Amino acid sequence: KQLKLTKASKNKHKALEKKVINNADKIIVTSPSTKTEFE
């Protein structure tokens, strides 16, 4: 949130995150809260 992102940049981050998470065969996270977020 401190990176002074434009709306377009925020959307691009979100899109890349979604693409990675949906194309990886398995995802490893380090905490239960992140697991819930990604689910």
Full PDB file with SEQRES, HELIX, SHEET, SSBOND, CRYST1, ORIGX, SCALE, CONECT and MASTER records, all heavy atoms in Angstrom:
SEQRES   1 A   39  LYS GLN LEU LYS LEU THR LYS ALA SER LYS ASN LYS HIS          
SEQRES   2 A   39  LYS ALA LEU GLU LYS LYS VAL ILE ASN ASN ALA ASP LYS          
SEQRES   3 A   39  ILE ILE VAL THR SER PRO SER THR LYS THR GLU PHE GLU          
HELIX    1 AA1 LYS A    7  ASN A   23  1                                  17    
HELIX    2 AA2 PRO A   32  PHE A   38  1                                   7    
CRYST1    1.000    1.000    1.000  90.00  90.00  90.00 P 1           1          
ORIGX1      1.000000  0.000000  0.000000        0.00000                         
ORIGX2      0.000000  1.000000  0.000000        0.00000                         
ORIGX3      0.000000  0.000000  1.000000        0.00000                         
SCALE1      1.000000  0.000000  0.000000        0.00000                         
SCALE2      0.000000  1.000000  0.000000        0.00000                         
SCALE3      0.000000  0.000000  1.000000        0.00000                         
ATOM      1  N   LYS A   1       0.807  -1.215   0.000  1.00  0.00           N  
ATOM      2  CA  LYS A   1       0.000   0.000   0.000  1.00  0.00           C  
ATOM      3  C   LYS A   1       0.844   1.272   0.000  1.00  0.00           C  
ATOM      4  O   LYS A   1       0.336   2.362  -0.259  1.00  0.00           O  
ATOM      5  CB  LYS A   1      -0.927   0.009   1.213  1.00  0.00           C  
ATOM      6  CG  LYS A   1      -2.005  -1.062   1.175  1.00  0.00           C  
ATOM      7  CD  LYS A   1      -2.854  -0.999   2.419  1.00  0.00           C  
ATOM      8  CE  LYS A   1      -3.954  -2.060   2.384  1.00  0.00           C  
ATOM      9  NZ  LYS A   1      -4.773  -2.056   3.630  1.00  0.00           N  
ATOM     10  N   GLN A   2       2.128   1.133   0.311  1.00  0.00           N  
ATOM     11  CA  GLN A   2       3.008   2.294   0.392  1.00  0.00           C  
ATOM     12  C   GLN A   2       3.693   2.618  -0.934  1.00  0.00           C  
ATOM     13  O   GLN A   2       4.477   3.558  -1.017  1.00  0.00           O  
ATOM     14  CB  GLN A   2       4.074   2.078   1.480  1.00  0.00           C  
ATOM     15  CG  GLN A   2       3.491   1.951   2.890  1.00  0.00           C  
ATOM     16  CD  GLN A   2       4.575   1.646   3.913  1.00  0.00           C  
ATOM     17  OE1 GLN A   2       4.914   0.504   4.165  1.00  0.00           O  
ATOM     18  NE2 GLN A   2       5.145   2.676   4.474  1.00  0.00           N  
ATOM     19  N   LEU A   3       3.380   1.852  -1.982  1.00  0.00           N  
ATOM     20  CA  LEU A   3       4.087   1.994  -3.246  1.00  0.00           C  
ATOM     21  C   LEU A   3       3.479   3.053  -4.177  1.00  0.00           C  
ATOM     22  O   LEU A   3       3.911   3.181  -5.314  1.00  0.00           O  
ATOM     23  CB  LEU A   3       4.143   0.636  -3.966  1.00  0.00           C  
ATOM     24  CG  LEU A   3       4.973  -0.441  -3.256  1.00  0.00           C  
ATOM     25  CD1 LEU A   3       4.889  -1.758  -4.025  1.00  0.00           C  
ATOM     26  CD2 LEU A   3       6.431  -0.010  -3.114  1.00  0.00           C  
ATOM     27  N   LYS A   4       2.472   3.769  -3.699  1.00  0.00           N  
ATOM     28  CA  LYS A   4       1.852   4.857  -4.471  1.00  0.00           C  
ATOM     29  C   LYS A   4       1.365   4.370  -5.842  1.00  0.00           C  
ATOM     30  O   LYS A   4       1.653   4.956  -6.892  1.00  0.00           O  
ATOM     31  CB  LYS A   4       2.829   6.028  -4.621  1.00  0.00           C  
ATOM     32  CG  LYS A   4       3.373   6.524  -3.287  1.00  0.00           C  
ATOM     33  CD  LYS A   4       4.204   7.757  -3.404  1.00  0.00           C  
ATOM     34  CE  LYS A   4       4.842   8.135  -2.067  1.00  0.00           C  
ATOM     35  NZ  LYS A   4       3.832   8.374  -0.985  1.00  0.00           N  
ATOM     36  N   LEU A   5       0.634   3.258  -5.805  1.00  0.00           N  
ATOM     37  CA  LEU A   5       0.155   2.615  -7.022  1.00  0.00           C  
ATOM     38  C   LEU A   5      -1.023   3.370  -7.635  1.00  0.00           C  
ATOM     39  O   LEU A   5      -1.919   3.820  -6.927  1.00  0.00           O  
ATOM     40  CB  LEU A   5      -0.271   1.170  -6.727  1.00  0.00           C  
ATOM     41  CG  LEU A   5       0.809   0.225  -6.185  1.00  0.00           C  
ATOM     42  CD1 LEU A   5       0.181  -1.093  -5.755  1.00  0.00           C  
ATOM     43  CD2 LEU A   5       1.886  -0.023  -7.212  1.00  0.00           C  
ATOM     44  N   THR A   6      -1.011   3.483  -8.955  1.00  0.00           N  
ATOM     45  CA  THR A   6      -2.178   3.981  -9.662  1.00  0.00           C  
ATOM     46  C   THR A   6      -3.228   2.874  -9.700  1.00  0.00           C  
ATOM     47  O   THR A   6      -2.935   1.708  -9.413  1.00  0.00           O  
ATOM     48  CB  THR A   6      -1.821   4.383 -11.101  1.00  0.00           C  
ATOM     49  OG1 THR A   6      -1.404   3.200 -11.821  1.00  0.00           O  
ATOM     50  CG2 THR A   6      -0.705   5.424 -11.120  1.00  0.00           C  
ATOM     51  N   LYS A   7      -4.452   3.221 -10.059  1.00  0.00           N  
ATOM     52  CA  LYS A   7      -5.510   2.219 -10.150  1.00  0.00           C  
ATOM     53  C   LYS A   7      -5.150   1.136 -11.160  1.00  0.00           C  
ATOM     54  O   LYS A   7      -5.368  -0.056 -10.921  1.00  0.00           O  
ATOM     55  CB  LYS A   7      -6.833   2.891 -10.553  1.00  0.00           C  
ATOM     56  CG  LYS A   7      -8.029   1.928 -10.522  1.00  0.00           C  
ATOM     57  CD  LYS A   7      -9.320   2.649 -10.840  1.00  0.00           C  
ATOM     58  CE  LYS A   7     -10.504   1.670 -10.808  1.00  0.00           C  
ATOM     59  NZ  LYS A   7     -11.790   2.371 -11.127  1.00  0.00           N  
ATOM     60  N   ALA A   8      -4.565   1.544 -12.290  1.00  0.00           N  
ATOM     61  CA  ALA A   8      -4.164   0.589 -13.325  1.00  0.00           C  
ATOM     62  C   ALA A   8      -3.091  -0.367 -12.805  1.00  0.00           C  
ATOM     63  O   ALA A   8      -3.122  -1.571 -13.089  1.00  0.00           O  
ATOM     64  CB  ALA A   8      -3.653   1.330 -14.560  1.00  0.00           C  
ATOM     65  N   SER A   9      -2.154   0.159 -12.024  1.00  0.00           N  
ATOM     66  CA  SER A   9      -1.086  -0.672 -11.470  1.00  0.00           C  
ATOM     67  C   SER A   9      -1.631  -1.659 -10.450  1.00  0.00           C  
ATOM     68  O   SER A   9      -1.215  -2.823 -10.408  1.00  0.00           O  
ATOM     69  CB  SER A   9      -0.009   0.207 -10.837  1.00  0.00           C  
ATOM     70  OG  SER A   9       0.631   0.997 -11.815  1.00  0.00           O  
ATOM     71  N   LYS A  10      -2.566  -1.208  -9.604  1.00  0.00           N  
ATOM     72  CA  LYS A  10      -3.199  -2.107  -8.634  1.00  0.00           C  
ATOM     73  C   LYS A  10      -3.882  -3.263  -9.349  1.00  0.00           C  
ATOM     74  O   LYS A  10      -3.752  -4.423  -8.941  1.00  0.00           O  
ATOM     75  CB  LYS A  10      -4.220  -1.348  -7.791  1.00  0.00           C  
ATOM     76  CG  LYS A  10      -3.623  -0.381  -6.780  1.00  0.00           C  
ATOM     77  CD  LYS A  10      -4.726   0.343  -6.021  1.00  0.00           C  
ATOM     78  CE  LYS A  10      -4.137   1.369  -5.057  1.00  0.00           C  
ATOM     79  NZ  LYS A  10      -5.217   2.131  -4.349  1.00  0.00           N  
ATOM     80  N   ASN A  11      -4.602  -2.936 -10.415  1.00  0.00           N  
ATOM     81  CA  ASN A  11      -5.314  -3.964 -11.175  1.00  0.00           C  
ATOM     82  C   ASN A  11      -4.342  -4.941 -11.830  1.00  0.00           C  
ATOM     83  O   ASN A  11      -4.611  -6.152 -11.908  1.00  0.00           O  
ATOM     84  CB  ASN A  11      -6.208  -3.320 -12.232  1.00  0.00           C  
ATOM     85  CG  ASN A  11      -7.386  -2.585 -11.622  1.00  0.00           C  
ATOM     86  OD1 ASN A  11      -7.792  -2.861 -10.489  1.00  0.00           O  
ATOM     87  ND2 ASN A  11      -7.958  -1.647 -12.371  1.00  0.00           N  
ATOM     88  N   LYS A  12      -3.219  -4.429 -12.301  1.00  0.00           N  
ATOM     89  CA  LYS A  12      -2.229  -5.293 -12.943  1.00  0.00           C  
ATOM     90  C   LYS A  12      -1.623  -6.268 -11.934  1.00  0.00           C  
ATOM     91  O   LYS A  12      -1.440  -7.449 -12.226  1.00  0.00           O  
ATOM     92  CB  LYS A  12      -1.126  -4.458 -13.598  1.00  0.00           C  
ATOM     93  CG  LYS A  12      -0.189  -5.289 -14.474  1.00  0.00           C  
ATOM     94  CD  LYS A  12       0.764  -4.414 -15.268  1.00  0.00           C  
ATOM     95  CE  LYS A  12       1.675  -5.273 -16.150  1.00  0.00           C  
ATOM     96  NZ  LYS A  12       2.617  -4.428 -16.945  1.00  0.00           N  
ATOM     97  N   HIS A  13      -1.312  -5.772 -10.736  1.00  0.00           N  
ATOM     98  CA  HIS A  13      -0.817  -6.645  -9.669  1.00  0.00           C  
ATOM     99  C   HIS A  13      -1.830  -7.761  -9.378  1.00  0.00           C  
ATOM    100  O   HIS A  13      -1.465  -8.938  -9.277  1.00  0.00           O  
ATOM    101  CB  HIS A  13      -0.571  -5.838  -8.393  1.00  0.00           C  
ATOM    102  CG  HIS A  13       0.789  -5.228  -8.300  1.00  0.00           C  
ATOM    103  ND1 HIS A  13       1.918  -5.969  -8.008  1.00  0.00           N  
ATOM    104  CD2 HIS A  13       1.202  -3.945  -8.451  1.00  0.00           C  
ATOM    105  CE1 HIS A  13       2.972  -5.156  -7.975  1.00  0.00           C  
ATOM    106  NE2 HIS A  13       2.567  -3.932  -8.242  1.00  0.00           N  
ATOM    107  N   LYS A  14      -3.079  -7.360  -9.222  1.00  0.00           N  
ATOM    108  CA  LYS A  14      -4.147  -8.323  -8.920  1.00  0.00           C  
ATOM    109  C   LYS A  14      -4.282  -9.370 -10.024  1.00  0.00           C  
ATOM    110  O   LYS A  14      -4.435 -10.567  -9.750  1.00  0.00           O  
ATOM    111  CB  LYS A  14      -5.479  -7.580  -8.726  1.00  0.00           C  
ATOM    112  CG  LYS A  14      -5.610  -6.851  -7.403  1.00  0.00           C  
ATOM    113  CD  LYS A  14      -5.935  -7.817  -6.276  1.00  0.00           C  
ATOM    114  CE  LYS A  14      -6.301  -7.084  -4.999  1.00  0.00           C  
ATOM    115  NZ  LYS A  14      -6.532  -8.062  -3.867  1.00  0.00           N  
ATOM    116  N   ALA A  15      -4.219  -8.914 -11.261  1.00  0.00           N  
ATOM    117  CA  ALA A  15      -4.363  -9.824 -12.400  1.00  0.00           C  
ATOM    118  C   ALA A  15      -3.207 -10.826 -12.460  1.00  0.00           C  
ATOM    119  O   ALA A  15      -3.416 -12.022 -12.714  1.00  0.00           O  
ATOM    120  CB  ALA A  15      -4.442  -9.021 -13.702  1.00  0.00           C  
ATOM    121  N   LEU A  16      -1.983 -10.343 -12.224  1.00  0.00           N  
ATOM    122  CA  LEU A  16      -0.819 -11.229 -12.235  1.00  0.00           C  
ATOM    123  C   LEU A  16      -0.890 -12.236 -11.090  1.00  0.00           C  
ATOM    124  O   LEU A  16      -0.591 -13.417 -11.259  1.00  0.00           O  
ATOM    125  CB  LEU A  16       0.473 -10.416 -12.140  1.00  0.00           C  
ATOM    126  CG  LEU A  16       0.899  -9.658 -13.403  1.00  0.00           C  
ATOM    127  CD1 LEU A  16       2.112  -8.764 -13.106  1.00  0.00           C  
ATOM    128  CD2 LEU A  16       1.225 -10.628 -14.534  1.00  0.00           C  
ATOM    129  N   GLU A  17      -1.279 -11.749  -9.916  1.00  0.00           N  
ATOM    130  CA  GLU A  17      -1.424 -12.628  -8.756  1.00  0.00           C  
ATOM    131  C   GLU A  17      -2.425 -13.744  -9.053  1.00  0.00           C  
ATOM    132  O   GLU A  17      -2.154 -14.930  -8.805  1.00  0.00           O  
ATOM    133  CB  GLU A  17      -1.878 -11.808  -7.543  1.00  0.00           C  
ATOM    134  CG  GLU A  17      -2.144 -12.626  -6.287  1.00  0.00           C  
ATOM    135  CD  GLU A  17      -2.734 -11.782  -5.180  1.00  0.00           C  
ATOM    136  OE1 GLU A  17      -3.743 -11.065  -5.437  1.00  0.00           O  
ATOM    137  OE2 GLU A  17      -2.202 -11.820  -4.061  1.00  0.00           O  
ATOM    138  N   LYS A  18      -3.579 -13.374  -9.598  1.00  0.00           N  
ATOM    139  CA  LYS A  18      -4.623 -14.350  -9.917  1.00  0.00           C  
ATOM    140  C   LYS A  18      -4.141 -15.348 -10.960  1.00  0.00           C  
ATOM    141  O   LYS A  18      -4.410 -16.556 -10.849  1.00  0.00           O  
ATOM    142  CB  LYS A  18      -5.878 -13.624 -10.409  1.00  0.00           C  
ATOM    143  CG  LYS A  18      -7.087 -14.536 -10.584  1.00  0.00           C  
ATOM    144  CD  LYS A  18      -8.321 -13.729 -10.945  1.00  0.00           C  
ATOM    145  CE  LYS A  18      -9.545 -14.650 -11.081  1.00  0.00           C  
ATOM    146  NZ  LYS A  18     -10.766 -13.859 -11.416  1.00  0.00           N  
ATOM    147  N   LYS A  19      -3.418 -14.866 -11.964  1.00  0.00           N  
ATOM    148  CA  LYS A  19      -2.931 -15.741 -13.038  1.00  0.00           C  
ATOM    149  C   LYS A  19      -1.937 -16.763 -12.485  1.00  0.00           C  
ATOM    150  O   LYS A  19      -1.990 -17.950 -12.835  1.00  0.00           O  
ATOM    151  CB  LYS A  19      -2.286 -14.908 -14.145  1.00  0.00           C  
ATOM    152  CG  LYS A  19      -2.036 -15.692 -15.431  1.00  0.00           C  
ATOM    153  CD  LYS A  19      -1.589 -14.760 -16.548  1.00  0.00           C  
ATOM    154  CE  LYS A  19      -1.410 -15.560 -17.856  1.00  0.00           C  
ATOM    155  NZ  LYS A  19      -0.989 -14.684 -18.967  1.00  0.00           N  
ATOM    156  N   VAL A  20      -1.027 -16.305 -11.636  1.00  0.00           N  
ATOM    157  CA  VAL A  20      -0.043 -17.211 -11.029  1.00  0.00           C  
ATOM    158  C   VAL A  20      -0.738 -18.260 -10.173  1.00  0.00           C  
ATOM    159  O   VAL A  20      -0.493 -19.463 -10.305  1.00  0.00           O  
ATOM    160  CB  VAL A  20       0.983 -16.413 -10.188  1.00  0.00           C  
ATOM    161  CG1 VAL A  20       1.761 -17.347  -9.261  1.00  0.00           C  
ATOM    162  CG2 VAL A  20       1.941 -15.649 -11.091  1.00  0.00           C  
ATOM    163  N   ILE A  21      -1.610 -17.808  -9.297  1.00  0.00           N  
ATOM    164  CA  ILE A  21      -2.257 -18.710  -8.348  1.00  0.00           C  
ATOM    165  C   ILE A  21      -3.152 -19.733  -9.054  1.00  0.00           C  
ATOM    166  O   ILE A  21      -3.263 -20.880  -8.613  1.00  0.00           O  
ATOM    167  CB  ILE A  21      -3.055 -17.892  -7.301  1.00  0.00           C  
ATOM    168  CG1 ILE A  21      -2.085 -17.149  -6.383  1.00  0.00           C  
ATOM    169  CG2 ILE A  21      -3.959 -18.785  -6.473  1.00  0.00           C  
ATOM    170  CD1 ILE A  21      -2.756 -16.187  -5.431  1.00  0.00           C  
ATOM    171  N   ASN A  22      -3.744 -19.359 -10.161  1.00  0.00           N  
ATOM    172  CA  ASN A  22      -4.641 -20.274 -10.868  1.00  0.00           C  
ATOM    173  C   ASN A  22      -3.932 -21.189 -11.865  1.00  0.00           C  
ATOM    174  O   ASN A  22      -4.544 -22.133 -12.371  1.00  0.00           O  
ATOM    175  CB  ASN A  22      -5.744 -19.494 -11.583  1.00  0.00           C  
ATOM    176  CG  ASN A  22      -6.866 -19.091 -10.644  1.00  0.00           C  
ATOM    177  OD1 ASN A  22      -7.699 -19.900 -10.267  1.00  0.00           O  
ATOM    178  ND2 ASN A  22      -6.866 -17.822 -10.246  1.00  0.00           N  
ATOM    179  N   ASN A  23      -2.662 -20.921 -12.137  1.00  0.00           N  
ATOM    180  CA  ASN A  23      -1.940 -21.754 -13.095  1.00  0.00           C  
ATOM    181  C   ASN A  23      -0.900 -22.665 -12.449  1.00  0.00           C  
ATOM    182  O   ASN A  23      -0.481 -23.647 -13.067  1.00  0.00           O  
ATOM    183  CB  ASN A  23      -1.278 -20.887 -14.163  1.00  0.00           C  
ATOM    184  CG  ASN A  23      -2.271 -20.426 -15.231  1.00  0.00           C  
ATOM    185  OD1 ASN A  23      -2.577 -21.130 -16.192  1.00  0.00           O  
ATOM    186  ND2 ASN A  23      -2.801 -19.216 -15.042  1.00  0.00           N  
ATOM    187  N   ALA A  24      -0.492 -22.348 -11.250  1.00  0.00           N  
ATOM    188  CA  ALA A  24       0.414 -23.239 -10.528  1.00  0.00           C  
ATOM    189  C   ALA A  24      -0.316 -24.535 -10.190  1.00  0.00           C  
ATOM    190  O   ALA A  24      -1.506 -24.533  -9.875  1.00  0.00           O  
ATOM    191  CB  ALA A  24       0.924 -22.562  -9.261  1.00  0.00           C  
ATOM    192  N   ASP A  25       0.399 -25.662 -10.260  1.00  0.00           N  
ATOM    193  CA  ASP A  25      -0.219 -26.948  -9.931  1.00  0.00           C  
ATOM    194  C   ASP A  25      -0.483 -27.071  -8.431  1.00  0.00           C  
ATOM    195  O   ASP A  25      -1.480 -27.649  -8.015  1.00  0.00           O  
ATOM    196  CB  ASP A  25       0.691 -28.096 -10.393  1.00  0.00           C  
ATOM    197  CG  ASP A  25       0.819 -28.139 -11.904  1.00  0.00           C  
ATOM    198  OD1 ASP A  25      -0.159 -28.522 -12.566  1.00  0.00           O  
ATOM    199  OD2 ASP A  25       1.894 -27.767 -12.420  1.00  0.00           O  
ATOM    200  N   LYS A  26       0.434 -26.533  -7.634  1.00  0.00           N  
ATOM    201  CA  LYS A  26       0.263 -26.512  -6.184  1.00  0.00           C  
ATOM    202  C   LYS A  26       0.789 -25.183  -5.659  1.00  0.00           C  
ATOM    203  O   LYS A  26       1.708 -24.592  -6.228  1.00  0.00           O  
ATOM    204  CB  LYS A  26       1.028 -27.667  -5.514  1.00  0.00           C  
ATOM    205  CG  LYS A  26       0.476 -29.059  -5.788  1.00  0.00           C  
ATOM    206  CD  LYS A  26       1.215 -30.095  -4.945  1.00  0.00           C  
ATOM    207  CE  LYS A  26       0.648 -31.510  -5.180  1.00  0.00           C  
ATOM    208  NZ  LYS A  26       1.056 -32.036  -6.484  1.00  0.00           N  
ATOM    209  N   ILE A  27       0.192 -24.741  -4.580  1.00  0.00           N  
ATOM    210  CA  ILE A  27       0.605 -23.490  -3.954  1.00  0.00           C  
ATOM    211  C   ILE A  27       0.985 -23.777  -2.506  1.00  0.00           C  
ATOM    212  O   ILE A  27       0.265 -24.473  -1.792  1.00  0.00           O  
ATOM    213  CB  ILE A  27      -0.526 -22.446  -4.005  1.00  0.00           C  
ATOM    214  CG1 ILE A  27      -0.891 -22.145  -5.465  1.00  0.00           C  
ATOM    215  CG2 ILE A  27      -0.128 -21.159  -3.278  1.00  0.00           C  
ATOM    216  CD1 ILE A  27      -2.308 -21.737  -5.647  1.00  0.00           C  
ATOM    217  N   ILE A  28       2.122 -23.235  -2.091  1.00  0.00           N  
ATOM    218  CA  ILE A  28       2.556 -23.335  -0.698  1.00  0.00           C  
ATOM    219  C   ILE A  28       2.523 -21.944  -0.086  1.00  0.00           C  
ATOM    220  O   ILE A  28       2.992 -20.975  -0.685  1.00  0.00           O  
ATOM    221  CB  ILE A  28       3.985 -23.915  -0.577  1.00  0.00           C  
ATOM    222  CG1 ILE A  28       4.064 -25.307  -1.199  1.00  0.00           C  
ATOM    223  CG2 ILE A  28       4.403 -23.975   0.893  1.00  0.00           C  
ATOM    224  CD1 ILE A  28       5.488 -25.862  -1.237  1.00  0.00           C  
ATOM    225  N   VAL A  29       1.968 -21.841   1.103  1.00  0.00           N  
ATOM    226  CA  VAL A  29       1.974 -20.589   1.853  1.00  0.00           C  
ATOM    227  C   VAL A  29       2.531 -20.861   3.243  1.00  0.00           C  
ATOM    228  O   VAL A  29       2.650 -22.012   3.667  1.00  0.00           O  
ATOM    229  CB  VAL A  29       0.564 -19.968   1.940  1.00  0.00           C  
ATOM    230  CG1 VAL A  29       0.060 -19.578   0.566  1.00  0.00           C  
ATOM    231  CG2 VAL A  29      -0.417 -20.933   2.615  1.00  0.00           C  
ATOM    232  N   THR A  30       2.863 -19.802   3.955  1.00  0.00           N  
ATOM    233  CA  THR A  30       3.496 -19.974   5.264  1.00  0.00           C  
ATOM    234  C   THR A  30       2.557 -19.755   6.431  1.00  0.00           C  
ATOM    235  O   THR A  30       2.969 -19.879   7.580  1.00  0.00           O  
ATOM    236  CB  THR A  30       4.700 -19.011   5.408  1.00  0.00           C  
ATOM    237  OG1 THR A  30       4.248 -17.668   5.233  1.00  0.00           O  
ATOM    238  CG2 THR A  30       5.786 -19.326   4.376  1.00  0.00           C  
ATOM    239  N   SER A  31       1.284 -19.438   6.150  1.00  0.00           N  
ATOM    240  CA  SER A  31       0.351 -19.187   7.251  1.00  0.00           C  
ATOM    241  C   SER A  31      -1.074 -19.576   6.869  1.00  0.00           C  
ATOM    242  O   SER A  31      -1.445 -19.514   5.692  1.00  0.00           O  
ATOM    243  CB  SER A  31       0.386 -17.708   7.653  1.00  0.00           C  
ATOM    244  OG  SER A  31      -0.289 -16.914   6.685  1.00  0.00           O  
ATOM    245  N   PRO A  32      -1.891 -19.945   7.854  1.00  0.00           N  
ATOM    246  CA  PRO A  32      -3.296 -20.267   7.586  1.00  0.00           C  
ATOM    247  C   PRO A  32      -4.077 -19.095   7.000  1.00  0.00           C  
ATOM    248  O   PRO A  32      -4.964 -19.293   6.163  1.00  0.00           O  
ATOM    249  CB  PRO A  32      -3.833 -20.653   8.975  1.00  0.00           C  
ATOM    250  CG  PRO A  32      -2.634 -21.097   9.749  1.00  0.00           C  
ATOM    251  CD  PRO A  32      -1.509 -20.226   9.257  1.00  0.00           C  
ATOM    252  N   SER A  33      -3.764 -17.862   7.429  1.00  0.00           N  
ATOM    253  CA  SER A  33      -4.500 -16.698   6.928  1.00  0.00           C  
ATOM    254  C   SER A  33      -4.266 -16.479   5.437  1.00  0.00           C  
ATOM    255  O   SER A  33      -5.185 -16.127   4.697  1.00  0.00           O  
ATOM    256  CB  SER A  33      -4.113 -15.440   7.712  1.00  0.00           C  
ATOM    257  OG  SER A  33      -4.593 -15.491   9.031  1.00  0.00           O  
ATOM    258  N   THR A  34      -3.022 -16.692   4.991  1.00  0.00           N  
ATOM    259  CA  THR A  34      -2.740 -16.569   3.561  1.00  0.00           C  
ATOM    260  C   THR A  34      -3.456 -17.658   2.773  1.00  0.00           C  
ATOM    261  O   THR A  34      -3.951 -17.426   1.672  1.00  0.00           O  
ATOM    262  CB  THR A  34      -1.219 -16.629   3.297  1.00  0.00           C  
ATOM    263  OG1 THR A  34      -0.548 -15.635   4.074  1.00  0.00           O  
ATOM    264  CG2 THR A  34      -0.918 -16.380   1.818  1.00  0.00           C  
ATOM    265  N   LYS A  35      -3.530 -18.854   3.340  1.00  0.00           N  
ATOM    266  CA  LYS A  35      -4.268 -19.935   2.693  1.00  0.00           C  
ATOM    267  C   LYS A  35      -5.732 -19.532   2.496  1.00  0.00           C  
ATOM    268  O   LYS A  35      -6.288 -19.708   1.397  1.00  0.00           O  
ATOM    269  CB  LYS A  35      -4.184 -21.220   3.513  1.00  0.00           C  
ATOM    270  CG  LYS A  35      -4.965 -22.376   2.885  1.00  0.00           C  
ATOM    271  CD  LYS A  35      -4.889 -23.645   3.719  1.00  0.00           C  
ATOM    272  CE  LYS A  35      -5.681 -24.768   3.040  1.00  0.00           C  
ATOM    273  NZ  LYS A  35      -5.660 -26.033   3.814  1.00  0.00           N  
ATOM    274  N   THR A  36      -6.342 -18.995   3.540  1.00  0.00           N  
ATOM    275  CA  THR A  36      -7.734 -18.551   3.459  1.00  0.00           C  
ATOM    276  C   THR A  36      -7.896 -17.464   2.391  1.00  0.00           C  
ATOM    277  O   THR A  36      -8.854 -17.473   1.617  1.00  0.00           O  
ATOM    278  CB  THR A  36      -8.213 -18.034   4.825  1.00  0.00           C  
ATOM    279  OG1 THR A  36      -8.093 -19.077   5.796  1.00  0.00           O  
ATOM    280  CG2 THR A  36      -9.669 -17.585   4.761  1.00  0.00           C  
ATOM    281  N   GLU A  37      -6.961 -16.521   2.363  1.00  0.00           N  
ATOM    282  CA  GLU A  37      -7.000 -15.437   1.376  1.00  0.00           C  
ATOM    283  C   GLU A  37      -6.948 -15.991  -0.049  1.00  0.00           C  
ATOM    284  O   GLU A  37      -7.755 -15.624  -0.905  1.00  0.00           O  
ATOM    285  CB  GLU A  37      -5.821 -14.493   1.602  1.00  0.00           C  
ATOM    286  CG  GLU A  37      -5.699 -13.392   0.543  1.00  0.00           C  
ATOM    287  CD  GLU A  37      -4.354 -12.691   0.588  1.00  0.00           C  
ATOM    288  OE1 GLU A  37      -3.712 -12.699   1.655  1.00  0.00           O  
ATOM    289  OE2 GLU A  37      -3.928 -12.141  -0.457  1.00  0.00           O  
ATOM    290  N   PHE A  38      -6.011 -16.894  -0.310  1.00  0.00           N  
ATOM    291  CA  PHE A  38      -5.835 -17.439  -1.653  1.00  0.00           C  
ATOM    292  C   PHE A  38      -6.987 -18.348  -2.062  1.00  0.00           C  
ATOM    293  O   PHE A  38      -7.292 -18.476  -3.253  1.00  0.00           O  
ATOM    294  CB  PHE A  38      -4.508 -18.186  -1.748  1.00  0.00           C  
ATOM    295  CG  PHE A  38      -3.298 -17.287  -1.869  1.00  0.00           C  
ATOM    296  CD1 PHE A  38      -3.424 -15.917  -1.859  1.00  0.00           C  
ATOM    297  CD2 PHE A  38      -2.024 -17.823  -2.006  1.00  0.00           C  
ATOM    298  CE1 PHE A  38      -2.315 -15.079  -1.963  1.00  0.00           C  
ATOM    299  CE2 PHE A  38      -0.904 -17.009  -2.119  1.00  0.00           C  
ATOM    300  CZ  PHE A  38      -1.056 -15.631  -2.092  1.00  0.00           C  
ATOM    301  N   GLU A  39      -7.628 -18.995  -1.097  1.00  0.00           N  
ATOM    302  CA  GLU A  39      -8.771 -19.859  -1.418  1.00  0.00           C  
ATOM    303  C   GLU A  39      -9.931 -19.057  -1.997  1.00  0.00           C  
ATOM    304  O   GLU A  39     -10.807 -19.619  -2.647  1.00  0.00           O  
ATOM    305  CB  GLU A  39      -9.207 -20.631  -0.165  1.00  0.00           C  
ATOM    306  CG  GLU A  39      -8.277 -21.809   0.161  1.00  0.00           C  
ATOM    307  CD  GLU A  39      -8.627 -22.503   1.472  1.00  0.00           C  
ATOM    308  OE1 GLU A  39      -9.320 -21.878   2.315  1.00  0.00           O  
ATOM    309  OE2 GLU A  39      -8.199 -23.657   1.678  1.00  0.00           O  
TER     310      GLU A  39                                                      
MASTER        0    0    0    2    0    0    0    6  309    1    0    3          
END                                                                             
